[in-house]
C-alpha atoms as a PDB file:
ATOM      1  CA  UNK A   1      19.122  25.325  19.545  1.00  0.00           C
ATOM      2  CA  UNK A   2      17.664  23.019  22.485  1.00  0.00           C
ATOM      3  CA  UNK A   3      14.230  24.997  22.535  1.00  0.00           C
ATOM      4  CA  UNK A   4      13.796  23.757  18.708  1.00  0.00           C
ATOM      5  CA  UNK A   5      15.096  20.129  19.775  1.00  0.00           C
ATOM      6  CA  UNK A   6      12.558  20.194  22.182  1.00  0.00           C
ATOM      7  CA  UNK A   7       9.651  21.414  19.960  1.00  0.00           C
ATOM      8  CA  UNK A   8      10.991  18.854  17.825  1.00  0.00           C
ATOM      9  CA  UNK A   9      10.547  15.987  19.852  1.00  0.00           C
ATOM     10  CA  UNK A  10       6.888  17.568  21.265  1.00  0.00           C
ATOM     11  CA  UNK A  11       5.728  17.231  18.131  1.00  0.00           C
ATOM     12  CA  UNK A  12       6.513  13.836  17.138  1.00  0.00           C
ATOM     13  CA  UNK A  13       5.499  12.648  20.459  1.00  0.00           C
ATOM     14  CA  UNK A  14       2.187  14.457  19.061  1.00  0.00           C
ATOM     15  CA  UNK A  15       2.292  13.196  15.778  1.00  0.00           C
ATOM     16  CA  UNK A  16       2.591   9.613  17.152  1.00  0.00           C
ATOM     17  CA  UNK A  17       0.536   9.501  19.974  1.00  0.00           C
ATOM     18  CA  UNK A  18      -2.629   8.567  18.423  1.00  0.00           C
ATOM     19  CA  UNK A  19      -0.799   5.358  17.140  1.00  0.00           C
ATOM     20  CA  UNK A  20       0.644   4.614  20.394  1.00  0.00           C
ATOM     21  CA  UNK A  21      -2.638   4.721  22.461  1.00  0.00           C
ATOM     22  CA  UNK A  22      -4.444   2.842  20.099  1.00  0.00           C
ATOM     23  CA  UNK A  23      -2.235   0.135  20.432  1.00  0.00           C
ATOM     24  CA  UNK A  24      -1.966   0.747  23.775  1.00  0.00           C
ATOM     25  CA  UNK A  25      -6.206   0.158  24.237  1.00  0.00           C
ATOM     26  CA  UNK A  26      -5.966  -2.884  22.160  1.00  0.00           C
ATOM     27  CA  UNK A  27      -4.671  -4.121  25.073  1.00  0.00           C
ATOM     28  CA  UNK A  28      -6.757  -3.068  27.935  1.00  0.00           C
ATOM     29  CA  UNK A  29      -9.179  -5.112  29.828  1.00  0.00           C
ATOM     30  CA  UNK A  30     -11.473  -2.506  29.951  1.00  0.00           C
ATOM     31  CA  UNK A  31     -14.895  -2.676  27.402  1.00  0.00           C
ATOM     32  CA  UNK A  32     -14.892   0.997  27.301  1.00  0.00           C
ATOM     33  CA  UNK A  33     -11.807   3.007  25.444  1.00  0.00           C
ATOM     34  CA  UNK A  34     -10.212   5.078  27.724  1.00  0.00           C
ATOM     35  CA  UNK A  35      -8.087   5.178  30.707  1.00  0.00           C
ATOM     36  CA  UNK A  36      -7.967   3.215  33.543  1.00  0.00           C
ATOM     37  CA  UNK A  37      -7.099   0.139  31.439  1.00  0.00           C
ATOM     38  CA  UNK A  38      -8.476  -2.549  33.775  1.00  0.00           C
ATOM     39  CA  UNK A  39      -5.266  -4.418  32.867  1.00  0.00           C
ATOM     40  CA  UNK A  40      -3.788  -6.231  30.347  1.00  0.00           C
ATOM     41  CA  UNK A  41      -5.310  -8.710  27.702  1.00  0.00           C
ATOM     42  CA  UNK A  42      -4.836 -10.049  24.532  1.00  0.00           C
ATOM     43  CA  UNK A  43      -8.990 -10.766  24.595  1.00  0.00           C
ATOM     44  CA  UNK A  44      -9.914  -8.265  21.962  1.00  0.00           C
ATOM     45  CA  UNK A  45      -7.610  -9.887  19.337  1.00  0.00           C
ATOM     46  CA  UNK A  46      -8.533 -13.778  20.117  1.00  0.00           C
ATOM     47  CA  UNK A  47     -12.148 -12.861  19.963  1.00  0.00           C
ATOM     48  CA  UNK A  48     -12.041 -10.514  16.842  1.00  0.00           C
ATOM     49  CA  UNK A  49     -10.049 -13.322  14.857  1.00  0.00           C
ATOM     50  CA  UNK A  50     -12.766 -15.266  15.491  1.00  0.00           C
ATOM     51  CA  UNK A  51     -15.246 -12.925  14.482  1.00  0.00           C
ATOM     52  CA  UNK A  52     -17.563 -14.035  11.122  1.00  0.00           C
ATOM     53  CA  UNK A  53     -17.305 -10.136   9.696  1.00  0.00           C
ATOM     54  CA  UNK A  54     -13.828  -9.738  10.211  1.00  0.00           C
ATOM     55  CA  UNK A  55     -12.890 -13.090   8.735  1.00  0.00           C
ATOM     56  CA  UNK A  56     -14.736 -12.092   6.076  1.00  0.00           C
ATOM     57  CA  UNK A  57     -13.264  -8.544   5.638  1.00  0.00           C
ATOM     58  CA  UNK A  58      -9.973  -9.876   6.253  1.00  0.00           C
ATOM     59  CA  UNK A  59     -10.065 -12.258   3.248  1.00  0.00           C
ATOM     60  CA  UNK A  60     -11.065  -9.642   0.896  1.00  0.00           C
ATOM     61  CA  UNK A  61      -8.379  -7.658   1.632  1.00  0.00           C
ATOM     62  CA  UNK A  62      -5.779 -10.177   1.037  1.00  0.00           C
ATOM     63  CA  UNK A  63      -7.441 -10.922  -1.887  1.00  0.00           C
ATOM     64  CA  UNK A  64      -7.771  -7.235  -3.315  1.00  0.00           C
ATOM     65  CA  UNK A  65      -3.703  -6.770  -1.793  1.00  0.00           C
ATOM     66  CA  UNK A  66      -2.636 -10.115  -3.652  1.00  0.00           C
ATOM     67  CA  UNK A  67      -3.983  -9.441  -7.372  1.00  0.00           C
ATOM     68  CA  UNK A  68      -3.114  -5.500  -6.726  1.00  0.00           C
ATOM     69  CA  UNK A  69       0.506  -6.338  -5.601  1.00  0.00           C
ATOM     70  CA  UNK A  70       1.078  -9.042  -8.994  1.00  0.00           C
ATOM     71  CA  UNK A  71      -0.633  -7.197 -11.199  1.00  0.00           C
ATOM     72  CA  UNK A  72       1.213  -3.674 -10.158  1.00  0.00           C
ATOM     73  CA  UNK A  73       4.634  -5.233 -10.054  1.00  0.00           C
ATOM     74  CA  UNK A  74       4.547  -6.849 -13.213  1.00  0.00           C
ATOM     75  CA  UNK A  75       2.894  -4.069 -15.213  1.00  0.00           C
ATOM     76  CA  UNK A  76       4.379  -1.267 -13.269  1.00  0.00           C
ATOM     77  CA  UNK A  77       8.221  -3.086 -13.553  1.00  0.00           C
ATOM     78  CA  UNK A  78       7.589  -3.356 -17.799  1.00  0.00           C
ATOM     79  CA  UNK A  79       6.336   0.033 -18.237  1.00  0.00           C
ATOM     80  CA  UNK A  80       9.557   1.341 -15.410  1.00  0.00           C
ATOM     81  CA  UNK A  81      11.866  -0.821 -18.320  1.00  0.00           C
ATOM     82  CA  UNK A  82      10.565   1.032 -20.993  1.00  0.00           C
ATOM     83  CA  UNK A  83      10.871   4.400 -19.535  1.00  0.00           C
ATOM     84  CA  UNK A  84      14.752   3.734 -18.315  1.00  0.00           C
ATOM     85  CA  UNK A  85      15.386   3.293 -22.014  1.00  0.00           C
ATOM     86  CA  UNK A  86      13.913   6.570 -23.169  1.00  0.00           C
ATOM     87  CA  UNK A  87      15.812  10.038 -22.918  1.00  0.00           C
ATOM     88  CA  UNK A  88      14.994  11.869 -19.745  1.00  0.00           C
ATOM     89  CA  UNK A  89      13.427  14.867 -21.495  1.00  0.00           C
ATOM     90  CA  UNK A  90      10.786  12.331 -22.759  1.00  0.00           C
ATOM     91  CA  UNK A  91      10.427  10.085 -20.051  1.00  0.00           C
ATOM     92  CA  UNK A  92      10.263  13.089 -17.615  1.00  0.00           C
ATOM     93  CA  UNK A  93       6.728  13.866 -18.721  1.00  0.00           C
ATOM     94  CA  UNK A  94       5.167  10.721 -19.324  1.00  0.00           C
ATOM     95  CA  UNK A  95       6.277  10.004 -15.234  1.00  0.00           C
ATOM     96  CA  UNK A  96       4.931  13.196 -14.207  1.00  0.00           C
ATOM     97  CA  UNK A  97       1.548  12.347 -15.894  1.00  0.00           C
ATOM     98  CA  UNK A  98       1.687   8.599 -14.305  1.00  0.00           C
ATOM     99  CA  UNK A  99       1.925  10.243 -10.746  1.00  0.00           C
ATOM    100  CA  UNK A 100      -1.064  11.843 -10.899  1.00  0.00           C
ATOM    101  CA  UNK A 101      -3.169   9.848  -8.798  1.00  0.00           C
ATOM    102  CA  UNK A 102      -0.561  10.132  -6.297  1.00  0.00           C
ATOM    103  CA  UNK A 103      -0.971  13.640  -6.381  1.00  0.00           C
ATOM    104  CA  UNK A 104      -5.033  13.896  -6.719  1.00  0.00           C
ATOM    105  CA  UNK A 105      -7.070  13.448  -3.347  1.00  0.00           C
ATOM    106  CA  UNK A 106      -8.075   9.863  -2.774  1.00  0.00           C
ATOM    107  CA  UNK A 107     -12.264  11.709  -2.618  1.00  0.00           C
ATOM    108  CA  UNK A 108     -11.158  12.988  -5.802  1.00  0.00           C
ATOM    109  CA  UNK A 109     -10.121   9.830  -7.887  1.00  0.00           C
ATOM    110  CA  UNK A 110     -13.136   7.540  -6.092  1.00  0.00           C
ATOM    111  CA  UNK A 111     -16.110   9.478  -7.259  1.00  0.00           C
ATOM    112  CA  UNK A 112     -14.027   9.818 -10.850  1.00  0.00           C
ATOM    113  CA  UNK A 113     -13.751   5.953 -10.889  1.00  0.00           C
ATOM    114  CA  UNK A 114     -17.153   5.277  -9.795  1.00  0.00           C
ATOM    115  CA  UNK A 115     -18.795   7.527 -12.300  1.00  0.00           C
ATOM    116  CA  UNK A 116     -16.459   6.005 -14.701  1.00  0.00           C
ATOM    117  CA  UNK A 117     -17.842   2.137 -13.793  1.00  0.00           C
ATOM    118  CA  UNK A 118     -21.198   3.622 -13.343  1.00  0.00           C
ATOM    119  CA  UNK A 119     -20.938   4.961 -17.070  1.00  0.00           C
ATOM    120  CA  UNK A 120     -19.556   1.686 -18.640  1.00  0.00           C
ATOM    121  CA  UNK A 121     -22.432  -0.557 -16.882  1.00  0.00           C
ATOM    122  CA  UNK A 122     -19.712  -2.076 -14.179  1.00  0.00           C
ATOM    123  CA  UNK A 123     -21.667  -2.628 -10.971  1.00  0.00           C
ATOM    124  CA  UNK A 124     -19.241  -1.960  -8.049  1.00  0.00           C
ATOM    125  CA  UNK A 125     -17.534  -4.657  -6.493  1.00  0.00           C
ATOM    126  CA  UNK A 126     -14.407  -6.254  -5.112  1.00  0.00           C
ATOM    127  CA  UNK A 127     -12.938  -6.535  -9.162  1.00  0.00           C
ATOM    128  CA  UNK A 128     -13.902  -2.408  -9.758  1.00  0.00           C
ATOM    129  CA  UNK A 129     -11.634  -1.937  -6.366  1.00  0.00           C
ATOM    130  CA  UNK A 130      -8.682  -4.064  -7.367  1.00  0.00           C
ATOM    131  CA  UNK A 131      -9.322  -1.795 -11.000  1.00  0.00           C
ATOM    132  CA  UNK A 132      -9.384   1.378  -8.916  1.00  0.00           C
ATOM    133  CA  UNK A 133      -5.877   0.144  -6.581  1.00  0.00           C
ATOM    134  CA  UNK A 134      -4.221  -0.666  -9.586  1.00  0.00           C
ATOM    135  CA  UNK A 135      -4.618   3.183 -11.118  1.00  0.00           C
ATOM    136  CA  UNK A 136      -3.080   4.222  -7.492  1.00  0.00           C
ATOM    137  CA  UNK A 137      -0.588   1.511  -7.052  1.00  0.00           C
ATOM    138  CA  UNK A 138       1.438   1.281  -9.956  1.00  0.00           C
ATOM    139  CA  UNK A 139       2.804   4.699 -10.128  1.00  0.00           C
ATOM    140  CA  UNK A 140       4.723   3.865  -6.853  1.00  0.00           C
ATOM    141  CA  UNK A 141       5.963   0.679  -8.576  1.00  0.00           C
ATOM    142  CA  UNK A 142       7.161   2.415 -11.449  1.00  0.00           C
ATOM    143  CA  UNK A 143       8.860   5.073  -9.715  1.00  0.00           C
ATOM    144  CA  UNK A 144      10.625   3.011  -7.312  1.00  0.00           C
ATOM    145  CA  UNK A 145      11.952   0.493 -10.127  1.00  0.00           C
ATOM    146  CA  UNK A 146      12.240   3.187 -12.717  1.00  0.00           C
ATOM    147  CA  UNK A 147      14.967   4.832  -9.374  1.00  0.00           C
ATOM    148  CA  UNK A 148      16.492   1.951  -9.586  1.00  0.00           C
ATOM    149  CA  UNK A 149      17.325   1.997 -13.405  1.00  0.00           C
ATOM    150  CA  UNK A 150      18.749   5.228 -13.725  1.00  0.00           C
ATOM    151  CA  UNK A 151      21.700   3.496 -12.354  1.00  0.00           C
ATOM    152  CA  UNK A 152      21.404   0.412 -14.077  1.00  0.00           C
ATOM    153  CA  UNK A 153      24.227  -0.652 -16.611  1.00  0.00           C
ATOM    154  CA  UNK A 154      23.064  -1.869 -19.800  1.00  0.00           C
ATOM    155  CA  UNK A 155      25.682  -2.587 -20.789  1.00  0.00           C
ATOM    156  CA  UNK A 156      25.332  -6.161 -19.087  1.00  0.00           C
ATOM    157  CA  UNK A 157      22.536  -6.794 -21.211  1.00  0.00           C
ATOM    158  CA  UNK A 158      23.738  -5.797 -24.303  1.00  0.00           C
ATOM    159  CA  UNK A 159      26.173  -8.210 -23.436  1.00  0.00           C
ATOM    160  CA  UNK A 160      23.997 -11.074 -22.921  1.00  0.00           C
ATOM    161  CA  UNK A 161      22.103 -10.371 -25.705  1.00  0.00           C
ATOM    162  CA  UNK A 162      25.294 -10.335 -27.882  1.00  0.00           C
ATOM    163  CA  UNK A 163      26.036 -13.534 -26.561  1.00  0.00           C
ATOM    164  CA  UNK A 164      22.813 -15.177 -27.868  1.00  0.00           C
ATOM    165  CA  UNK A 165      20.509 -14.220 -25.402  1.00  0.00           C
ATOM    166  CA  UNK A 166      17.033 -13.563 -25.882  1.00  0.00           C
ATOM    167  CA  UNK A 167      15.167 -10.123 -24.463  1.00  0.00           C
ATOM    168  CA  UNK A 168      12.949 -12.653 -22.092  1.00  0.00           C
ATOM    169  CA  UNK A 169      16.186 -14.666 -21.258  1.00  0.00           C
ATOM    170  CA  UNK A 170      18.233 -11.442 -20.711  1.00  0.00           C
ATOM    171  CA  UNK A 171      15.810  -9.931 -18.457  1.00  0.00           C
ATOM    172  CA  UNK A 172      15.360 -13.309 -16.030  1.00  0.00           C
ATOM    173  CA  UNK A 173      19.061 -14.294 -16.162  1.00  0.00           C
ATOM    174  CA  UNK A 174      20.464 -10.585 -15.997  1.00  0.00           C
ATOM    175  CA  UNK A 175      18.072  -7.598 -15.452  1.00  0.00           C
ATOM    176  CA  UNK A 176      15.776  -8.937 -12.880  1.00  0.00           C
ATOM    177  CA  UNK A 177      18.516 -10.529 -10.432  1.00  0.00           C
ATOM    178  CA  UNK A 178      20.348  -6.761 -10.432  1.00  0.00           C
ATOM    179  CA  UNK A 179      16.989  -5.205  -9.567  1.00  0.00           C
ATOM    180  CA  UNK A 180      14.872  -8.155  -8.012  1.00  0.00           C
ATOM    181  CA  UNK A 181      15.541  -6.341  -4.375  1.00  0.00           C
ATOM    182  CA  UNK A 182      14.025  -2.846  -5.759  1.00  0.00           C
ATOM    183  CA  UNK A 183      10.917  -4.772  -7.611  1.00  0.00           C
ATOM    184  CA  UNK A 184      10.890  -7.022  -3.926  1.00  0.00           C
ATOM    185  CA  UNK A 185      10.368  -3.624  -2.371  1.00  0.00           C
ATOM    186  CA  UNK A 186       7.366  -1.918  -4.768  1.00  0.00           C
ATOM    187  CA  UNK A 187       5.344  -4.955  -4.627  1.00  0.00           C
ATOM    188  CA  UNK A 188       5.507  -4.708  -0.755  1.00  0.00           C
ATOM    189  CA  UNK A 189       4.470  -0.775  -0.987  1.00  0.00           C
ATOM    190  CA  UNK A 190       1.948  -1.449  -3.757  1.00  0.00           C
ATOM    191  CA  UNK A 191       0.090  -4.710  -1.088  1.00  0.00           C
ATOM    192  CA  UNK A 192       0.480  -2.342   1.991  1.00  0.00           C
ATOM    193  CA  UNK A 193      -1.073   0.574  -0.026  1.00  0.00           C
ATOM    194  CA  UNK A 194      -3.780  -1.592  -1.223  1.00  0.00           C
ATOM    195  CA  UNK A 195      -4.456  -2.807   2.381  1.00  0.00           C
ATOM    196  CA  UNK A 196      -4.444   0.162   4.357  1.00  0.00           C
ATOM    197  CA  UNK A 197      -7.152   2.413   1.907  1.00  0.00           C
ATOM    198  CA  UNK A 198     -10.076   3.325   2.766  1.00  0.00           C
ATOM    199  CA  UNK A 199     -11.680   6.128   0.886  1.00  0.00           C
ATOM    200  CA  UNK A 200     -11.332   4.518  -2.851  1.00  0.00           C
ATOM    201  CA  UNK A 201     -12.358   1.046  -1.665  1.00  0.00           C
ATOM    202  CA  UNK A 202     -15.382   2.663   0.371  1.00  0.00           C
ATOM    203  CA  UNK A 203     -16.447   4.451  -2.635  1.00  0.00           C
ATOM    204  CA  UNK A 204     -15.638   1.765  -5.103  1.00  0.00           C
ATOM    205  CA  UNK A 205     -16.798  -1.528  -3.813  1.00  0.00           C
ATOM    206  CA  UNK A 206     -20.521  -2.009  -3.370  1.00  0.00           C
ATOM    207  CA  UNK A 207     -21.157  -4.605  -1.521  1.00  0.00           C
ATOM    208  CA  UNK A 208     -18.879  -6.377   1.368  1.00  0.00           C
ATOM    209  CA  UNK A 209     -16.297  -5.214   2.887  1.00  0.00           C
ATOM    210  CA  UNK A 210     -12.621  -4.567   3.787  1.00  0.00           C
ATOM    211  CA  UNK A 211     -10.516  -4.081   6.985  1.00  0.00           C
ATOM    212  CA  UNK A 212     -10.920  -0.500   6.673  1.00  0.00           C
ATOM    213  CA  UNK A 213     -14.510  -0.229   5.872  1.00  0.00           C
ATOM    214  CA  UNK A 214     -15.402  -2.708   8.410  1.00  0.00           C
ATOM    215  CA  UNK A 215     -13.690  -0.597  11.732  1.00  0.00           C
ATOM    216  CA  UNK A 216     -15.521   2.508   9.831  1.00  0.00           C
ATOM    217  CA  UNK A 217     -18.855   0.535  10.134  1.00  0.00           C
ATOM    218  CA  UNK A 218     -17.901  -0.433  13.330  1.00  0.00           C
ATOM    219  CA  UNK A 219     -17.303   2.999  14.626  1.00  0.00           C
ATOM    220  CA  UNK A 220     -20.155   4.248  13.034  1.00  0.00           C
ATOM    221  CA  UNK A 221     -22.455   2.148  15.373  1.00  0.00           C
ATOM    222  CA  UNK A 222     -20.674   1.914  18.665  1.00  0.00           C
ATOM    223  CA  UNK A 223     -16.699   2.308  20.133  1.00  0.00           C
ATOM    224  CA  UNK A 224     -15.821  -1.576  20.288  1.00  0.00           C
ATOM    225  CA  UNK A 225     -12.616  -2.699  21.633  1.00  0.00           C
ATOM    226  CA  UNK A 226     -12.286  -4.380  18.758  1.00  0.00           C
ATOM    227  CA  UNK A 227     -11.799  -1.739  16.656  1.00  0.00           C
ATOM    228  CA  UNK A 228      -8.218  -1.072  18.094  1.00  0.00           C
ATOM    229  CA  UNK A 229      -7.319  -4.631  17.687  1.00  0.00           C
ATOM    230  CA  UNK A 230      -8.104  -4.550  14.101  1.00  0.00           C
ATOM    231  CA  UNK A 231      -6.075  -0.785  13.805  1.00  0.00           C
ATOM    232  CA  UNK A 232      -3.513  -2.095  15.614  1.00  0.00           C
ATOM    233  CA  UNK A 233      -2.913  -4.736  12.890  1.00  0.00           C
ATOM    234  CA  UNK A 234      -3.507  -2.851   9.899  1.00  0.00           C
ATOM    235  CA  UNK A 235      -0.721  -0.224  11.880  1.00  0.00           C
ATOM    236  CA  UNK A 236       1.504  -3.061  12.377  1.00  0.00           C
ATOM    237  CA  UNK A 237       1.209  -5.057   9.025  1.00  0.00           C
ATOM    238  CA  UNK A 238       1.581  -1.500   7.007  1.00  0.00           C
ATOM    239  CA  UNK A 239       4.337   0.176   9.146  1.00  0.00           C
ATOM    240  CA  UNK A 240       6.576  -3.347   8.686  1.00  0.00           C
ATOM    241  CA  UNK A 241       6.023  -3.804   4.572  1.00  0.00           C
ATOM    242  CA  UNK A 242       6.615   0.069   3.934  1.00  0.00           C
ATOM    243  CA  UNK A 243      10.023  -0.652   6.333  1.00  0.00           C
ATOM    244  CA  UNK A 244      10.972  -3.478   4.516  1.00  0.00           C
ATOM    245  CA  UNK A 245      10.496  -2.411   1.429  1.00  0.00           C
ATOM    246  CA  UNK A 246      12.205   1.268   2.269  1.00  0.00           C
ATOM    247  CA  UNK A 247      15.379  -1.159   3.497  1.00  0.00           C
ATOM    248  CA  UNK A 248      14.982  -3.570  -0.213  1.00  0.00           C
ATOM    249  CA  UNK A 249      14.534  -0.735  -2.567  1.00  0.00           C
ATOM    250  CA  UNK A 250      16.920   1.446  -1.095  1.00  0.00           C
ATOM    251  CA  UNK A 251      15.026   3.873  -0.496  1.00  0.00           C
ATOM    252  CA  UNK A 252      17.263   7.745   0.145  1.00  0.00           C
ATOM    253  CA  UNK A 253      14.156  10.273   0.050  1.00  0.00           C
END
């Protein structure tokens, strides 16, 4: 048993070590990525924040993530509400079809979407990136909200309707307050996934950069220590958003 426990600890350390090293090197004073660090500093963070390409990429990432988060949440919540009113044997196959983008490799989805955009005359841009992200983020929203609606008591909604509330008023005064934590959690998951995506973004963005594509471009030219600073920001943002989302949505695996 102790051997298995020790093996589990070593495996966890092996998995987490690249992330820890990226964050550690981002505070190293040495211009070369590696040991020794040459002391601790926040110079790379202050330098990268003032860097023009980073500011442009950050603006693009935040714009895309905000739009994707809002649209995914609204459309995904509406779809989840509709599915929750269906019989389980009917909703099951529909959910399976909706989840296909989550199961397919990002490379396959990216190439397929790029081919589709070219065939309909859409030039790769931030718009095509947003549309592409919606394909892969909405299933997360639908699944999270649908799992919350599985235990929802629709009798409270029916009571509100019997007392004269319309469908919209019943949703905003009864349904939404009950499921709002799941909705917020789903929105954070969609936003974090959009910020962190590289493959689909790289294939559909055309010109310009987001933070992941900026990091990729920097790695192709030189091992700039600013890469670690940008990567650390992405890691912290993604982890924080995911943890908050899982707690709000009461995810149980």
